[in-house]
Amino acid sequence: MSSQPLERTVLDGSTRVLLIGAGVVCLGLLLVARRLEPDPRGYGTHAQLGLGPCSFASLTGQLCPTCGMTTAFAWFARGELVRAWVVHPAGCLTAAATVPLAAWLLATAVVGRPLGGRSAEWLLTGLVVSLVLLSLTFWILRLVGVAFDPRTTGAPPAAGPGSSGVRWMEGVGKG
């Protein structure tokens, strides 16, 4: 067993530029989310970005593992953490991880070495795997009817952004 410290990877210029870009994208996601009006149904906020309806939901009638994630980001960016959690727990946790991730990406790029480990891959891979597992876990809970399905909380079926319909989460998270 060697008593020498493990040497960290030195990041080349192109990797550092990619890390800076990724950090800026993370912060940009929250800025864009702040500009979106959370859909009162608890999902569908992504349509304000010009994206179409969820193909999975259109084909199956069931929400997909990421349905509600953009809405959760929009609520999170407004400081409405309870509403973000109710809409999509994995989306809320992902949004919460976005700021420290951006800080880590930018700091790692500036220092030129991965902070907290020998390589950047372990953290980034772990985050992606965690996001997928969280989304699938909450989706399975939705499918079996345990929780986290905004459609079961009294959402008006045809409500959308800017609609005059009753907001399905009115009062949630308000003390």
Protein backbone atom coordinates (compact mmCIF):
# COMPACT_ATOMS: atom_id res chain seq x y z
CA MET A 1 0.00 0.00 0.00
CA SER A 2 1.47 3.31 -1.05
CA SER A 3 1.47 6.32 1.25
CA GLN A 4 1.61 8.71 -1.69
CA PRO A 5 -1.54 10.76 -2.33
CA LEU A 6 -3.60 9.90 -5.37
CA GLU A 7 -2.93 12.30 -8.20
CA ARG A 8 -5.90 14.11 -9.68
CA THR A 9 -6.51 14.44 -13.37
CA VAL A 10 -5.30 17.70 -14.92
CA LEU A 11 -7.99 19.03 -17.21
CA ASP A 12 -7.07 20.21 -20.68
CA GLY A 13 -8.34 23.47 -22.16
CA SER A 14 -11.20 21.96 -24.16
CA THR A 15 -12.51 20.08 -21.11
CA ARG A 16 -12.37 23.27 -19.07
CA VAL A 17 -14.32 25.13 -21.75
CA LEU A 18 -16.94 22.33 -21.76
CA LEU A 19 -17.22 22.54 -17.96
CA ILE A 20 -17.73 26.30 -18.13
CA GLY A 21 -20.38 25.79 -20.82
CA ALA A 22 -22.14 23.16 -18.72
CA GLY A 23 -22.08 25.43 -15.66
CA VAL A 24 -23.56 28.31 -17.65
CA VAL A 25 -26.24 25.97 -19.07
CA CYS A 26 -27.18 24.87 -15.52
CA LEU A 27 -27.66 28.47 -14.42
CA GLY A 28 -29.48 29.23 -17.68
CA LEU A 29 -31.96 26.43 -16.97
CA LEU A 30 -33.00 28.12 -13.75
CA LEU A 31 -33.23 31.52 -15.44
CA VAL A 32 -35.45 30.10 -18.19
CA ALA A 33 -37.53 28.22 -15.60
CA ARG A 34 -38.08 31.47 -13.71
CA ARG A 35 -39.52 33.06 -16.84
CA LEU A 36 -42.00 30.22 -17.43
CA GLU A 37 -45.46 30.27 -15.90
CA PRO A 38 -45.99 26.93 -14.11
CA ASP A 39 -48.89 25.08 -15.74
CA PRO A 40 -51.76 24.77 -13.25
CA ARG A 41 -52.19 21.09 -14.17
CA GLY A 42 -48.77 20.30 -12.71
CA TYR A 43 -47.31 19.30 -16.09
CA GLY A 44 -47.15 20.78 -19.57
CA THR A 45 -45.10 23.89 -18.76
CA HIS A 46 -42.59 22.77 -21.42
CA ALA A 47 -45.12 23.77 -24.10
CA GLN A 48 -44.17 27.41 -23.44
CA LEU A 49 -40.77 26.55 -24.90
CA GLY A 50 -42.39 25.56 -28.19
CA LEU A 51 -42.24 21.83 -27.44
CA GLY A 52 -45.15 19.57 -28.25
CA PRO A 53 -47.15 17.44 -25.86
CA CYS A 54 -45.54 14.41 -24.27
CA SER A 55 -45.59 11.58 -26.81
CA PHE A 56 -45.69 8.94 -24.08
CA ALA A 57 -48.71 10.56 -22.41
CA SER A 58 -50.43 11.02 -25.78
CA LEU A 59 -49.96 7.34 -26.66
CA THR A 60 -50.63 5.74 -23.27
CA GLY A 61 -52.76 8.22 -21.36
CA GLN A 62 -50.22 7.98 -18.53
CA LEU A 63 -47.72 10.62 -17.49
CA CYS A 64 -44.13 9.75 -18.38
CA PRO A 65 -41.28 9.68 -15.84
CA THR A 66 -40.42 13.31 -16.62
CA CYS A 67 -43.93 14.78 -16.91
CA GLY A 68 -44.01 17.70 -14.51
CA MET A 69 -40.25 18.21 -14.34
CA THR A 70 -40.28 21.57 -16.17
CA THR A 71 -43.17 22.67 -13.97
CA ALA A 72 -41.20 21.62 -10.87
CA PHE A 73 -38.22 23.67 -12.11
CA ALA A 74 -40.51 26.68 -12.68
CA TRP A 75 -41.92 26.42 -9.15
CA PHE A 76 -38.43 25.88 -7.69
CA ALA A 77 -37.05 28.94 -9.50
CA ARG A 78 -39.82 30.97 -7.82
CA GLY A 79 -38.85 29.66 -4.39
CA GLU A 80 -42.02 27.54 -4.18
CA LEU A 81 -40.28 24.38 -2.97
CA VAL A 82 -43.40 22.61 -1.69
CA ARG A 83 -45.20 23.15 -4.98
CA ALA A 84 -42.12 21.95 -6.87
CA TRP A 85 -42.02 18.80 -4.70
CA VAL A 86 -45.74 18.10 -5.13
CA VAL A 87 -45.50 18.37 -8.92
CA HIS A 88 -42.38 16.21 -9.37
CA PRO A 89 -40.08 15.26 -6.47
CA ALA A 90 -37.21 14.26 -8.77
CA GLY A 91 -37.59 17.56 -10.64
CA CYS A 92 -37.47 19.47 -7.37
CA LEU A 93 -34.34 17.62 -6.26
CA THR A 94 -32.72 18.11 -9.67
CA ALA A 95 -33.48 21.82 -9.59
CA ALA A 96 -32.03 22.01 -6.07
CA ALA A 97 -28.85 20.31 -7.27
CA THR A 98 -28.47 22.66 -10.25
CA VAL A 99 -26.90 25.58 -8.36
CA PRO A 100 -24.23 23.56 -6.49
CA LEU A 101 -23.54 21.59 -9.68
CA ALA A 102 -23.03 24.82 -11.63
CA ALA A 103 -20.70 26.10 -8.90
CA TRP A 104 -18.73 22.84 -8.96
CA LEU A 105 -18.45 22.84 -12.75
CA LEU A 106 -17.25 26.43 -12.87
CA ALA A 107 -14.83 26.03 -9.93
CA THR A 108 -13.40 22.82 -11.42
CA ALA A 109 -12.87 24.61 -14.74
CA VAL A 110 -11.13 27.54 -13.05
CA VAL A 111 -8.88 25.33 -10.88
CA GLY A 112 -8.14 22.95 -13.75
CA ARG A 113 -8.55 19.82 -11.63
CA PRO A 114 -11.70 18.00 -10.49
CA LEU A 115 -12.68 19.22 -7.04
CA GLY A 116 -13.46 16.47 -4.56
CA GLY A 117 -12.06 13.56 -6.56
CA ARG A 118 -9.57 12.29 -9.06
CA SER A 119 -11.86 12.70 -12.06
CA ALA A 120 -14.99 14.60 -13.06
CA GLU A 121 -16.66 11.53 -14.58
CA TRP A 122 -17.62 9.92 -11.26
CA LEU A 123 -19.67 12.92 -10.14
CA LEU A 124 -21.34 13.58 -13.47
CA THR A 125 -22.13 9.91 -14.05
CA GLY A 126 -23.50 9.63 -10.51
CA LEU A 127 -25.75 12.63 -11.04
CA VAL A 128 -27.16 11.29 -14.30
CA VAL A 129 -27.77 7.83 -12.81
CA SER A 130 -29.38 9.39 -9.72
CA LEU A 131 -31.67 11.54 -11.85
CA VAL A 132 -32.80 8.55 -13.90
CA LEU A 133 -33.36 6.39 -10.80
CA LEU A 134 -35.26 9.15 -8.99
CA SER A 135 -37.47 9.83 -12.00
CA LEU A 136 -38.23 6.13 -12.45
CA THR A 137 -38.91 5.65 -8.73
CA PHE A 138 -41.40 8.52 -8.55
CA TRP A 139 -42.95 7.42 -11.85
CA ILE A 140 -43.53 3.91 -10.48
CA LEU A 141 -45.09 5.45 -7.35
CA ARG A 142 -47.33 7.50 -9.66
CA LEU A 143 -48.34 4.43 -11.66
CA VAL A 144 -49.30 2.40 -8.61
CA GLY A 145 -51.23 5.35 -7.25
CA VAL A 146 -49.14 6.03 -4.16
CA ALA A 147 -48.61 9.72 -4.83
CA PHE A 148 -47.15 12.37 -7.08
CA ASP A 149 -49.82 12.41 -9.77
CA PRO A 150 -51.06 15.96 -10.25
CA ARG A 151 -54.12 14.65 -12.10
CA THR A 152 -55.46 13.14 -8.86
CA THR A 153 -55.41 16.41 -6.92
CA GLY A 154 -58.34 18.09 -8.60
CA ALA A 155 -56.63 19.59 -11.61
CA PRO A 156 -59.05 21.00 -14.15
CA PRO A 157 -58.74 18.79 -17.24
CA ALA A 158 -58.51 21.57 -19.84
CA ALA A 159 -56.61 24.17 -17.81
CA GLY A 160 -53.42 25.56 -19.23
CA PRO A 161 -51.01 28.44 -18.80
CA GLY A 162 -52.85 31.67 -18.29
CA SER A 163 -56.23 29.91 -18.09
CA SER A 164 -58.95 31.29 -15.87
CA GLY A 165 -59.60 27.82 -14.45
CA VAL A 166 -59.11 26.98 -10.81
CA ARG A 167 -55.46 26.37 -10.02
CA TRP A 168 -55.10 22.77 -8.85
CA MET A 169 -52.49 23.58 -6.21
CA GLU A 170 -53.96 26.75 -4.81
CA GLY A 171 -52.98 26.97 -1.18
CA VAL A 172 -50.29 24.27 -1.36
CA GLY A 173 -47.22 25.50 0.44
CA LYS A 174 -48.93 28.63 1.69
CA GLY A 175 -48.96 28.97 5.45
